[in-house]
Amino acid sequence: KIEALRKADESKGTFGALTVLEADGKKKDFELISKTRVFSANSRL
């Protein structure tokens, strides 16, 4: 489950990022890059 979202800010040079809470309780941070693709549950971009 998404715990936190951060949108990219080109003026500051930061990438988009998100934190995901996994089922076992661990949190993982992810950085989005320019080639990251985001899909809906029915596989639409």
All heavy atoms as atom14 arrays in JSON, in Angstrom:
{
  "sequence": "KIEALRKADESKGTFGALTVLEADGKKKDFELISKTRVFSANSRL",
  "atom14_mask": [
    [1, 1, 1, 1, 1, 1, 1, 1, 1, 0, 0, 0, 0, 0],
    [1, 1, 1, 1, 1, 1, 1, 1, 0, 0, 0, 0, 0, 0],
    [1, 1, 1, 1, 1, 1, 1, 1, 1, 0, 0, 0, 0, 0],
    [1, 1, 1, 1, 1, 0, 0, 0, 0, 0, 0, 0, 0, 0],
    [1, 1, 1, 1, 1, 1, 1, 1, 0, 0, 0, 0, 0, 0],
    [1, 1, 1, 1, 1, 1, 1, 1, 1, 1, 1, 0, 0, 0],
    [1, 1, 1, 1, 1, 1, 1, 1, 1, 0, 0, 0, 0, 0],
    [1, 1, 1, 1, 1, 0, 0, 0, 0, 0, 0, 0, 0, 0],
    [1, 1, 1, 1, 1, 1, 1, 1, 0, 0, 0, 0, 0, 0],
    [1, 1, 1, 1, 1, 1, 1, 1, 1, 0, 0, 0, 0, 0],
    [1, 1, 1, 1, 1, 1, 0, 0, 0, 0, 0, 0, 0, 0],
    [1, 1, 1, 1, 1, 1, 1, 1, 1, 0, 0, 0, 0, 0],
    [1, 1, 1, 1, 0, 0, 0, 0, 0, 0, 0, 0, 0, 0],
    [1, 1, 1, 1, 1, 1, 1, 0, 0, 0, 0, 0, 0, 0],
    [1, 1, 1, 1, 1, 1, 1, 1, 1, 1, 1, 0, 0, 0],
    [1, 1, 1, 1, 0, 0, 0, 0, 0, 0, 0, 0, 0, 0],
    [1, 1, 1, 1, 1, 0, 0, 0, 0, 0, 0, 0, 0, 0],
    [1, 1, 1, 1, 1, 1, 1, 1, 0, 0, 0, 0, 0, 0],
    [1, 1, 1, 1, 1, 1, 1, 0, 0, 0, 0, 0, 0, 0],
    [1, 1, 1, 1, 1, 1, 1, 0, 0, 0, 0, 0, 0, 0],
    [1, 1, 1, 1, 1, 1, 1, 1, 0, 0, 0, 0, 0, 0],
    [1, 1, 1, 1, 1, 1, 1, 1, 1, 0, 0, 0, 0, 0],
    [1, 1, 1, 1, 1, 0, 0, 0, 0, 0, 0, 0, 0, 0],
    [1, 1, 1, 1, 1, 1, 1, 1, 0, 0, 0, 0, 0, 0],
    [1, 1, 1, 1, 0, 0, 0, 0, 0, 0, 0, 0, 0, 0],
    [1, 1, 1, 1, 1, 1, 1, 1, 1, 0, 0, 0, 0, 0],
    [1, 1, 1, 1, 1, 1, 1, 1, 1, 0, 0, 0, 0, 0],
    [1, 1, 1, 1, 1, 1, 1, 1, 1, 0, 0, 0, 0, 0],
    [1, 1, 1, 1, 1, 1, 1, 1, 0, 0, 0, 0, 0, 0],
    [1, 1, 1, 1, 1, 1, 1, 1, 1, 1, 1, 0, 0, 0],
    [1, 1, 1, 1, 1, 1, 1, 1, 1, 0, 0, 0, 0, 0],
    [1, 1, 1, 1, 1, 1, 1, 1, 0, 0, 0, 0, 0, 0],
    [1, 1, 1, 1, 1, 1, 1, 1, 0, 0, 0, 0, 0, 0],
    [1, 1, 1, 1, 1, 1, 0, 0, 0, 0, 0, 0, 0, 0],
    [1, 1, 1, 1, 1, 1, 1, 1, 1, 0, 0, 0, 0, 0],
    [1, 1, 1, 1, 1, 1, 1, 0, 0, 0, 0, 0, 0, 0],
    [1, 1, 1, 1, 1, 1, 1, 1, 1, 1, 1, 0, 0, 0],
    [1, 1, 1, 1, 1, 1, 1, 0, 0, 0, 0, 0, 0, 0],
    [1, 1, 1, 1, 1, 1, 1, 1, 1, 1, 1, 0, 0, 0],
    [1, 1, 1, 1, 1, 1, 0, 0, 0, 0, 0, 0, 0, 0],
    [1, 1, 1, 1, 1, 0, 0, 0, 0, 0, 0, 0, 0, 0],
    [1, 1, 1, 1, 1, 1, 1, 1, 0, 0, 0, 0, 0, 0],
    [1, 1, 1, 1, 1, 1, 0, 0, 0, 0, 0, 0, 0, 0],
    [1, 1, 1, 1, 1, 1, 1, 1, 1, 1, 1, 0, 0, 0],
    [1, 1, 1, 1, 1, 1, 1, 1, 0, 0, 0, 0, 0, 0]
  ],
  "atom14_positions": [
    [[0.85, -1.19, 0.0], [0.0, 0.0, 0.0], [0.88, 1.24, 0.0], [1.9, 1.3, 0.7], [-0.87, -0.01, 1.26], [-1.86, 1.13, 1.31], [-2.81, 1.12, 2.49], [-2.49, 0.24, 3.64], [-3.36, 0.43, 4.79], [0.0, 0.0, 0.0], [0.0, 0.0, 0.0], [0.0, 0.0, 0.0], [0.0, 0.0, 0.0], [0.0, 0.0, 0.0]],
    [[0.5, 2.24, -0.8], [1.26, 3.49, -0.86], [1.1, 4.23, 0.46], [0.0, 4.53, 0.9], [0.8, 4.38, -2.03], [1.08, 3.69, -3.36], [1.49, 5.73, -1.98], [0.58, 4.45, -4.58], [0.0, 0.0, 0.0], [0.0, 0.0, 0.0], [0.0, 0.0, 0.0], [0.0, 0.0, 0.0], [0.0, 0.0, 0.0], [0.0, 0.0, 0.0]],
    [[2.23, 4.52, 1.1], [2.26, 5.27, 2.35], [2.48, 6.76, 2.11], [1.96, 7.6, 2.82], [3.38, 4.75, 3.26], [3.05, 3.45, 3.94], [2.08, 3.66, 5.09], [2.34, 4.5, 5.97], [1.05, 2.96, 5.1], [0.0, 0.0, 0.0], [0.0, 0.0, 0.0], [0.0, 0.0, 0.0], [0.0, 0.0, 0.0], [0.0, 0.0, 0.0]],
    [[3.34, 7.07, 1.11], [3.66, 8.47, 0.83], [4.03, 8.63, -0.63], [4.57, 7.72, -1.24], [4.83, 8.91, 1.71], [0.0, 0.0, 0.0], [0.0, 0.0, 0.0], [0.0, 0.0, 0.0], [0.0, 0.0, 0.0], [0.0, 0.0, 0.0], [0.0, 0.0, 0.0], [0.0, 0.0, 0.0], [0.0, 0.0, 0.0], [0.0, 0.0, 0.0]],
    [[3.71, 9.8, -1.17], [4.03, 10.15, -2.55], [4.76, 11.48, -2.56], [4.45, 12.38, -1.79], [2.75, 10.32, -3.38], [1.9, 9.08, -3.61], [0.53, 9.49, -4.1], [2.55, 8.18, -4.62], [0.0, 0.0, 0.0], [0.0, 0.0, 0.0], [0.0, 0.0, 0.0], [0.0, 0.0, 0.0], [0.0, 0.0, 0.0], [0.0, 0.0, 0.0]],
    [[5.73, 11.62, -3.46], [6.4, 12.89, -3.66], [6.53, 13.11, -5.16], [7.09, 12.29, -5.87], [7.79, 12.89, -3.04], [8.47, 14.27, -3.15], [9.9, 14.26, -2.69], [10.72, 13.64, -3.73], [11.8, 12.92, -3.5], [12.2, 12.68, -2.28], [12.49, 12.41, -4.5], [0.0, 0.0, 0.0], [0.0, 0.0, 0.0], [0.0, 0.0, 0.0]],
    [[5.96, 14.19, -5.63], [6.03, 14.49, -7.06], [7.38, 15.08, -7.4], [8.04, 15.69, -6.57], [4.92, 15.45, -7.45], [3.56, 14.82, -7.23], [2.45, 15.66, -7.74], [1.18, 14.9, -7.39], [0.02, 15.32, -7.98], [0.0, 0.0, 0.0], [0.0, 0.0, 0.0], [0.0, 0.0, 0.0], [0.0, 0.0, 0.0], [0.0, 0.0, 0.0]],
    [[7.78, 14.9, -8.65], [9.06, 15.44, -9.11], [9.01, 16.96, -9.14], [7.96, 17.55, -9.39], [9.36, 14.91, -10.5], [0.0, 0.0, 0.0], [0.0, 0.0, 0.0], [0.0, 0.0, 0.0], [0.0, 0.0, 0.0], [0.0, 0.0, 0.0], [0.0, 0.0, 0.0], [0.0, 0.0, 0.0], [0.0, 0.0, 0.0], [0.0, 0.0, 0.0]],
    [[10.13, 17.58, -8.85], [10.25, 19.03, -8.91], [11.5, 19.34, -9.73], [12.62, 19.26, -9.23], [10.36, 19.62, -7.51], [10.33, 21.14, -7.5], [10.35, 21.74, -8.6], [10.29, 21.71, -6.41], [0.0, 0.0, 0.0], [0.0, 0.0, 0.0], [0.0, 0.0, 0.0], [0.0, 0.0, 0.0], [0.0, 0.0, 0.0], [0.0, 0.0, 0.0]],
    [[11.27, 19.67, -11.0], [12.39, 19.91, -11.9], [13.24, 21.1, -11.47], [14.45, 21.12, -11.68], [11.89, 20.11, -13.33], [11.32, 18.85, -13.92], [10.85, 19.04, -15.35], [11.34, 19.97, -16.03], [10.0, 18.26, -15.79], [0.0, 0.0, 0.0], [0.0, 0.0, 0.0], [0.0, 0.0, 0.0], [0.0, 0.0, 0.0], [0.0, 0.0, 0.0]],
    [[12.62, 22.11, -10.85], [13.39, 23.28, -10.43], [14.4, 22.93, -9.34], [15.46, 23.53, -9.24], [12.46, 24.39, -9.93], [11.77, 23.97, -8.76], [0.0, 0.0, 0.0], [0.0, 0.0, 0.0], [0.0, 0.0, 0.0], [0.0, 0.0, 0.0], [0.0, 0.0, 0.0], [0.0, 0.0, 0.0], [0.0, 0.0, 0.0], [0.0, 0.0, 0.0]],
    [[14.08, 21.93, -8.51], [15.0, 21.49, -7.46], [15.83, 20.29, -7.89], [16.73, 19.86, -7.18], [14.21, 21.11, -6.2], [13.52, 22.28, -5.54], [12.78, 21.83, -4.31], [12.05, 23.0, -3.67], [11.25, 22.57, -2.52], [0.0, 0.0, 0.0], [0.0, 0.0, 0.0], [0.0, 0.0, 0.0], [0.0, 0.0, 0.0], [0.0, 0.0, 0.0]],
    [[15.48, 19.72, -9.05], [16.22, 18.56, -9.55], [15.89, 17.28, -8.82], [16.72, 16.37, -8.76], [0.0, 0.0, 0.0], [0.0, 0.0, 0.0], [0.0, 0.0, 0.0], [0.0, 0.0, 0.0], [0.0, 0.0, 0.0], [0.0, 0.0, 0.0], [0.0, 0.0, 0.0], [0.0, 0.0, 0.0], [0.0, 0.0, 0.0], [0.0, 0.0, 0.0]],
    [[14.68, 17.18, -8.26], [14.3, 15.96, -7.55], [13.37, 15.11, -8.41], [12.59, 15.62, -9.21], [13.58, 16.28, -6.22], [12.41, 17.05, -6.51], [14.49, 17.04, -5.28], [0.0, 0.0, 0.0], [0.0, 0.0, 0.0], [0.0, 0.0, 0.0], [0.0, 0.0, 0.0], [0.0, 0.0, 0.0], [0.0, 0.0, 0.0], [0.0, 0.0, 0.0]],
    [[13.49, 13.82, -8.24], [12.64, 12.87, -8.95], [11.38, 12.62, -8.13], [11.35, 12.87, -6.93], [13.37, 11.54, -9.15], [14.52, 11.61, -10.1], [15.82, 11.71, -9.63], [14.31, 11.59, -11.46], [16.88, 11.77, -10.51], [15.36, 11.65, -12.35], [16.66, 11.74, -11.86], [0.0, 0.0, 0.0], [0.0, 0.0, 0.0], [0.0, 0.0, 0.0]],
    [[10.37, 12.05, -8.77], [9.21, 11.6, -8.04], [9.6, 10.4, -7.19], [10.53, 9.67, -7.51], [0.0, 0.0, 0.0], [0.0, 0.0, 0.0], [0.0, 0.0, 0.0], [0.0, 0.0, 0.0], [0.0, 0.0, 0.0], [0.0, 0.0, 0.0], [0.0, 0.0, 0.0], [0.0, 0.0, 0.0], [0.0, 0.0, 0.0], [0.0, 0.0, 0.0]],
    [[8.9, 10.2, -6.1], [9.22, 9.08, -5.21], [7.97, 8.61, -4.51], [6.97, 9.33, -4.43], [10.27, 9.5, -4.19], [0.0, 0.0, 0.0], [0.0, 0.0, 0.0], [0.0, 0.0, 0.0], [0.0, 0.0, 0.0], [0.0, 0.0, 0.0], [0.0, 0.0, 0.0], [0.0, 0.0, 0.0], [0.0, 0.0, 0.0], [0.0, 0.0, 0.0]],
    [[8.0, 7.39, -4.02], [6.91, 6.88, -3.21], [7.45, 5.89, -2.19], [8.53, 5.32, -2.37], [5.82, 6.26, -4.05], [6.07, 4.9, -4.69], [4.74, 4.17, -4.8], [6.64, 5.07, -6.07], [0.0, 0.0, 0.0], [0.0, 0.0, 0.0], [0.0, 0.0, 0.0], [0.0, 0.0, 0.0], [0.0, 0.0, 0.0], [0.0, 0.0, 0.0]],
    [[6.7, 5.73, -1.13], [7.0, 4.76, -0.09], [5.87, 3.76, -0.07], [4.69, 4.14, -0.05], [7.12, 5.44, 1.29], [8.14, 6.44, 1.22], [7.48, 4.44, 2.37], [0.0, 0.0, 0.0], [0.0, 0.0, 0.0], [0.0, 0.0, 0.0], [0.0, 0.0, 0.0], [0.0, 0.0, 0.0], [0.0, 0.0, 0.0], [0.0, 0.0, 0.0]],
    [[6.23, 2.47, -0.08], [5.23, 1.4, -0.09], [5.38, 0.6, 1.2], [6.48, 0.23, 1.59], [5.42, 0.49, -1.33], [4.51, -0.72, -1.26], [5.19, 1.27, -2.61], [0.0, 0.0, 0.0], [0.0, 0.0, 0.0], [0.0, 0.0, 0.0], [0.0, 0.0, 0.0], [0.0, 0.0, 0.0], [0.0, 0.0, 0.0], [0.0, 0.0, 0.0]],
    [[4.25, 0.34, 1.86], [4.21, -0.52, 3.04], [3.84, -1.92, 2.57], [2.73, -2.14, 2.08], [3.2, 0.0, 4.06], [3.02, -0.84, 5.31], [4.31, -0.87, 6.14], [1.88, -0.32, 6.15], [0.0, 0.0, 0.0], [0.0, 0.0, 0.0], [0.0, 0.0, 0.0], [0.0, 0.0, 0.0], [0.0, 0.0, 0.0], [0.0, 0.0, 0.0]],
    [[4.77, -2.85, 2.69], [4.53, -4.21, 2.25], [3.71, -4.98, 3.29], [3.56, -4.52, 4.43], [5.86, -4.92, 1.98], [6.65, -4.3, 0.84], [7.97, -4.98, 0.6], [8.6, -5.48, 1.57], [8.4, -5.02, -0.56], [0.0, 0.0, 0.0], [0.0, 0.0, 0.0], [0.0, 0.0, 0.0], [0.0, 0.0, 0.0], [0.0, 0.0, 0.0]],
    [[3.21, -6.13, 2.91], [2.36, -6.94, 3.79], [3.07, -7.36, 5.07], [2.45, -7.5, 6.12], [1.87, -8.17, 3.03], [0.0, 0.0, 0.0], [0.0, 0.0, 0.0], [0.0, 0.0, 0.0], [0.0, 0.0, 0.0], [0.0, 0.0, 0.0], [0.0, 0.0, 0.0], [0.0, 0.0, 0.0], [0.0, 0.0, 0.0], [0.0, 0.0, 0.0]],
    [[4.39, -7.53, 5.0], [5.14, -7.95, 6.19], [5.52, -6.78, 7.1], [6.23, -6.94, 8.08], [6.4, -8.73, 5.78], [7.36, -7.91, 4.94], [7.08, -6.73, 4.67], [8.4, -8.48, 4.53], [0.0, 0.0, 0.0], [0.0, 0.0, 0.0], [0.0, 0.0, 0.0], [0.0, 0.0, 0.0], [0.0, 0.0, 0.0], [0.0, 0.0, 0.0]],
    [[5.02, -5.57, 6.77], [5.25, -4.41, 7.61], [6.49, -3.59, 7.25], [6.74, -2.56, 7.87], [0.0, 0.0, 0.0], [0.0, 0.0, 0.0], [0.0, 0.0, 0.0], [0.0, 0.0, 0.0], [0.0, 0.0, 0.0], [0.0, 0.0, 0.0], [0.0, 0.0, 0.0], [0.0, 0.0, 0.0], [0.0, 0.0, 0.0], [0.0, 0.0, 0.0]],
    [[7.25, -4.04, 6.27], [8.45, -3.29, 5.86], [8.05, -2.15, 4.93], [7.18, -2.3, 4.08], [9.43, -4.2, 5.13], [10.07, -5.23, 6.01], [11.06, -6.05, 5.21], [11.66, -7.15, 6.05], [12.55, -8.01, 5.26], [0.0, 0.0, 0.0], [0.0, 0.0, 0.0], [0.0, 0.0, 0.0], [0.0, 0.0, 0.0], [0.0, 0.0, 0.0]],
    [[8.74, -1.02, 5.1], [8.52, 0.12, 4.19], [9.69, 0.17, 3.2], [10.84, -0.01, 3.59], [8.47, 1.43, 4.97], [7.24, 1.58, 5.8], [7.2, 2.95, 6.46], [5.93, 3.09, 7.29], [5.84, 4.42, 7.9], [0.0, 0.0, 0.0], [0.0, 0.0, 0.0], [0.0, 0.0, 0.0], [0.0, 0.0, 0.0], [0.0, 0.0, 0.0]],
    [[9.34, 0.39, 1.94], [10.37, 0.52, 0.9], [10.16, 1.83, 0.17], [9.03, 2.18, -0.17], [10.28, -0.63, -0.1], [11.0, -1.85, 0.32], [11.2, -2.79, -0.85], [11.96, -4.0, -0.36], [12.06, -5.03, -1.37], [0.0, 0.0, 0.0], [0.0, 0.0, 0.0], [0.0, 0.0, 0.0], [0.0, 0.0, 0.0], [0.0, 0.0, 0.0]],
    [[11.25, 2.53, -0.06], [11.21, 3.78, -0.81], [11.63, 3.5, -2.25], [12.57, 2.74, -2.5], [12.16, 4.8, -0.19], [11.73, 5.23, 1.19], [10.51, 5.42, 1.38], [12.59, 5.36, 2.08], [0.0, 0.0, 0.0], [0.0, 0.0, 0.0], [0.0, 0.0, 0.0], [0.0, 0.0, 0.0], [0.0, 0.0, 0.0], [0.0, 0.0, 0.0]],
    [[10.95, 4.14, -3.18], [11.23, 3.98, -4.6], [11.37, 5.35, -5.24], [10.62, 6.27, -4.91], [10.11, 3.21, -5.31], [9.92, 1.83, -4.77], [8.95, 1.58, -3.83], [10.72, 0.79, -5.19], [8.76, 0.31, -3.31], [10.55, -0.49, -4.68], [9.57, -0.73, -3.74], [0.0, 0.0, 0.0], [0.0, 0.0, 0.0], [0.0, 0.0, 0.0]],
    [[12.32, 5.46, -6.14], [12.51, 6.68, -6.91], [11.98, 6.43, -8.31], [12.23, 5.38, -8.9], [14.0, 7.02, -6.96], [14.29, 8.37, -7.53], [15.76, 8.72, -7.36], [16.56, 8.33, -8.24], [16.1, 9.37, -6.36], [0.0, 0.0, 0.0], [0.0, 0.0, 0.0], [0.0, 0.0, 0.0], [0.0, 0.0, 0.0], [0.0, 0.0, 0.0]],
    [[11.21, 7.38, -8.83], [10.71, 7.26, -10.19], [11.69, 7.93, -11.14], [12.19, 9.01, -10.85], [9.33, 7.92, -10.32], [8.17, 7.07, -9.84], [8.2, 6.89, -8.36], [6.88, 7.65, -10.29], [0.0, 0.0, 0.0], [0.0, 0.0, 0.0], [0.0, 0.0, 0.0], [0.0, 0.0, 0.0], [0.0, 0.0, 0.0], [0.0, 0.0, 0.0]],
    [[11.96, 7.28, -12.23], [12.86, 7.83, -13.24], [12.04, 8.21, -14.46], [10.84, 7.95, -14.52], [13.98, 6.83, -13.59], [13.39, 5.49, -14.06], [14.9, 6.62, -12.4], [14.41, 4.48, -14.52], [0.0, 0.0, 0.0], [0.0, 0.0, 0.0], [0.0, 0.0, 0.0], [0.0, 0.0, 0.0], [0.0, 0.0, 0.0], [0.0, 0.0, 0.0]],
    [[12.66, 8.82, -15.42], [11.92, 9.3, -16.59], [11.25, 8.18, -17.37], [10.24, 8.39, -18.02], [12.83, 10.1, -17.51], [13.88, 9.28, -17.98], [0.0, 0.0, 0.0], [0.0, 0.0, 0.0], [0.0, 0.0, 0.0], [0.0, 0.0, 0.0], [0.0, 0.0, 0.0], [0.0, 0.0, 0.0], [0.0, 0.0, 0.0], [0.0, 0.0, 0.0]],
    [[11.79, 6.97, -17.28], [11.22, 5.84, -18.02], [10.22, 5.02, -17.22], [9.71, 4.03, -17.71], [12.34, 4.95, -18.53], [13.23, 5.65, -19.53], [14.31, 4.75, -20.04], [15.17, 5.52, -21.03], [16.21, 4.68, -21.6], [0.0, 0.0, 0.0], [0.0, 0.0, 0.0], [0.0, 0.0, 0.0], [0.0, 0.0, 0.0], [0.0, 0.0, 0.0]],
    [[9.94, 5.4, -15.99], [8.98, 4.66, -15.17], [7.59, 4.76, -15.78], [7.13, 5.84, -16.13], [8.94, 5.21, -13.73], [10.24, 5.15, -13.17], [7.98, 4.41, -12.86], [0.0, 0.0, 0.0], [0.0, 0.0, 0.0], [0.0, 0.0, 0.0], [0.0, 0.0, 0.0], [0.0, 0.0, 0.0], [0.0, 0.0, 0.0], [0.0, 0.0, 0.0]],
    [[6.92, 3.63, -15.91], [5.56, 3.59, -16.46], [4.59, 3.26, -15.33], [4.87, 2.43, -14.48], [5.43, 2.52, -17.55], [6.35, 2.77, -18.74], [5.9, 4.01, -19.49], [6.77, 4.3, -20.59], [7.47, 5.41, -20.71], [7.38, 6.34, -19.8], [8.23, 5.62, -21.74], [0.0, 0.0, 0.0], [0.0, 0.0, 0.0], [0.0, 0.0, 0.0]],
    [[3.44, 3.94, -15.33], [2.43, 3.74, -14.3], [1.17, 3.22, -14.97], [0.68, 3.8, -15.94], [2.12, 5.06, -13.55], [1.11, 4.83, -12.44], [3.4, 5.68, -12.99], [0.0, 0.0, 0.0], [0.0, 0.0, 0.0], [0.0, 0.0, 0.0], [0.0, 0.0, 0.0], [0.0, 0.0, 0.0], [0.0, 0.0, 0.0], [0.0, 0.0, 0.0]],
    [[0.65, 2.09, -14.46], [-0.51, 1.45, -15.04], [-1.65, 1.35, -14.04], [-1.43, 1.17, -12.85], [-0.16, 0.03, -15.52], [0.88, -0.01, -16.59], [2.22, -0.22, -16.28], [0.54, 0.18, -17.92], [3.19, -0.25, -17.26], [1.5, 0.14, -18.92], [2.83, -0.06, -18.59], [0.0, 0.0, 0.0], [0.0, 0.0, 0.0], [0.0, 0.0, 0.0]],
    [[-2.88, 1.42, -14.55], [-4.05, 1.22, -13.71], [-4.24, -0.28, -13.51], [-3.53, -1.1, -14.1], [-5.29, 1.83, -14.38], [-5.6, 1.11, -15.56], [0.0, 0.0, 0.0], [0.0, 0.0, 0.0], [0.0, 0.0, 0.0], [0.0, 0.0, 0.0], [0.0, 0.0, 0.0], [0.0, 0.0, 0.0], [0.0, 0.0, 0.0], [0.0, 0.0, 0.0]],
    [[-5.25, -0.65, -12.7], [-5.52, -2.07, -12.43], [-5.92, -2.82, -13.7], [-5.72, -4.03, -13.79], [-6.62, -2.19, -11.38], [0.0, 0.0, 0.0], [0.0, 0.0, 0.0], [0.0, 0.0, 0.0], [0.0, 0.0, 0.0], [0.0, 0.0, 0.0], [0.0, 0.0, 0.0], [0.0, 0.0, 0.0], [0.0, 0.0, 0.0], [0.0, 0.0, 0.0]],
    [[-6.47, -2.12, -14.7], [-6.84, -2.79, -15.95], [-5.78, -2.58, -17.03], [-6.09, -2.62, -18.22], [-8.23, -2.34, -16.42], [-8.31, -0.85, -16.66], [-7.33, -0.14, -16.47], [-9.47, -0.38, -17.06], [0.0, 0.0, 0.0], [0.0, 0.0, 0.0], [0.0, 0.0, 0.0], [0.0, 0.0, 0.0], [0.0, 0.0, 0.0], [0.0, 0.0, 0.0]],
    [[-4.55, -2.34, -16.62], [-3.38, -2.26, -17.5], [-3.37, -1.08, -18.47], [-2.76, -1.14, -19.51], [-3.2, -3.57, -18.28], [-3.03, -4.63, -17.4], [0.0, 0.0, 0.0], [0.0, 0.0, 0.0], [0.0, 0.0, 0.0], [0.0, 0.0, 0.0], [0.0, 0.0, 0.0], [0.0, 0.0, 0.0], [0.0, 0.0, 0.0], [0.0, 0.0, 0.0]],
    [[-4.07, -0.02, -18.13], [-4.02, 1.19, -18.95], [-2.94, 2.11, -18.4], [-2.77, 2.24, -17.19], [-5.35, 1.91, -18.93], [-6.41, 1.18, -19.68], [-7.53, 2.12, -19.92], [-8.14, 1.8, -21.19], [-9.39, 2.04, -21.46], [-10.16, 2.62, -20.56], [-9.88, 1.72, -22.62], [0.0, 0.0, 0.0], [0.0, 0.0, 0.0], [0.0, 0.0, 0.0]],
    [[-2.25, 2.79, -19.31], [-1.22, 3.73, -18.91], [-1.88, 4.96, -18.27], [-2.8, 5.53, -18.83], [-0.41, 4.15, -20.14], [0.94, 4.79, -19.92], [1.85, 3.88, -19.12], [1.58, 5.12, -21.25], [0.0, 0.0, 0.0], [0.0, 0.0, 0.0], [0.0, 0.0, 0.0], [0.0, 0.0, 0.0], [0.0, 0.0, 0.0], [0.0, 0.0, 0.0]]
  ]
}
